[in-house]
Amino acid sequence: MSAPTDRDDAPETRNGNGDRISENTGNGSHDGATNGNGASNGAGSAPARHLVLSLSCPDQPGIVHAVTGLLANHGGNITESQQFGDAGTGLFFMRVQVETRADPADIEASLRGLADAFHMHWTLDDVGRKMRTLVLVSKEAHCLTDLLFRQRNLRLPIEVVGVVGNHPDLEPIATFYGAPFHHVPVTAATKPGAEARLLDLVAAKDVELVVLARYMQILSNDLCSRLAGRIINIHHSFLPSFKGARPYAQAHVRGVKLIGATAHYVTADLDEGPIIEQDIERVNHTDDVRELVAVGQDVERRVLARAVRWHAEHRVFVNGGRTVVFR
């Protein structure tokens, strides 16, 4: 499994109407009608749209000026902007929300020209569009239940298009929330076929994000490479201290004072992909194993929900083995 990287064939994202909105690197032609500044004249009477532009490129002078100028030329009103230049990697990251009546296709055409000049990788999407998400589970219900509840009631910007379980235990929860459940058992002998079935579901359902909500199977290197940057996992933050079965029992024996959780992108290095979010809770000598488990599950669900939200809102950028997160 390799760490998420920018790809020349990066997939497009969808807008709120189900239409595709581009995700691109600095390749492609500059098409469409433009004004004297090289920007589209747009449709002055078109309804305003709230778009989010996220980008990364080698750091150099003039990036912010060029990006904001492009958006202004398209009649854009910037409602939120964050940026970060990493002196260590030499990369620049930026996320901008903008209201505009211009046709997104015209903005994309201008962005392709800008991307060529700055060697830029970028995405343009509608703010709040629900990202098509497939959730993988085993037997523990807390993360799945929390994601489905937040999707329905708290405006978590995802659409759970399916739940895949290597055990059937959580099918009633998926059914309650109206999410199709797919029982895909996994053994050493059936693992290749199970992963092929998973990839079929990803393609058939046009899945943009895969969430491992306490899915107790190790994904193959090939699968994670094919879905690089699109798989988020959650685990307790005892690793590497307490590996294997019953980590909370091991932690109780050692008398830990902190319990935490980590959400990260999945890579070939087991549980060591770029970290998106972490959190902790204090415990003490009065807490038994059951209480430690309850505290741990509560932290896990919160951390996973935040990581999924930030990814779906295009706030997370992979920066080598780390991430930049615009909260």
Foldseek 3Di string as FASTA:
>chain_A
DAAFDDDQCDDFPAAQVRHTFGWHWLDDAQDDDDDPVSARQFDPPADKFKKKKKKKFQDDPDPVVVVVVNCVSQVKDWDDKDKDADPVQRMIIIMTIIIGRGDSVRSVSVVSNVNNVGRMTMHMYGFLAAAEEEEEEEADCLQVLLVLCCVVPVSLRHDDQAYEYLDCNCVVSCVVSPHHYHHQHDDPVCPVVSLVVVVVCCVVSVHQAYEYRHRPDDDDQVSCVVNHPRYKYKDKPCPPVQDDPLSLQVCLVVFDFKIKMWIARDHPPPPQAATQFMDIDTDGNVDDSVNSVVRNSVRRNVRSSVSSSQVRSVQWDDDPRYIGGDD
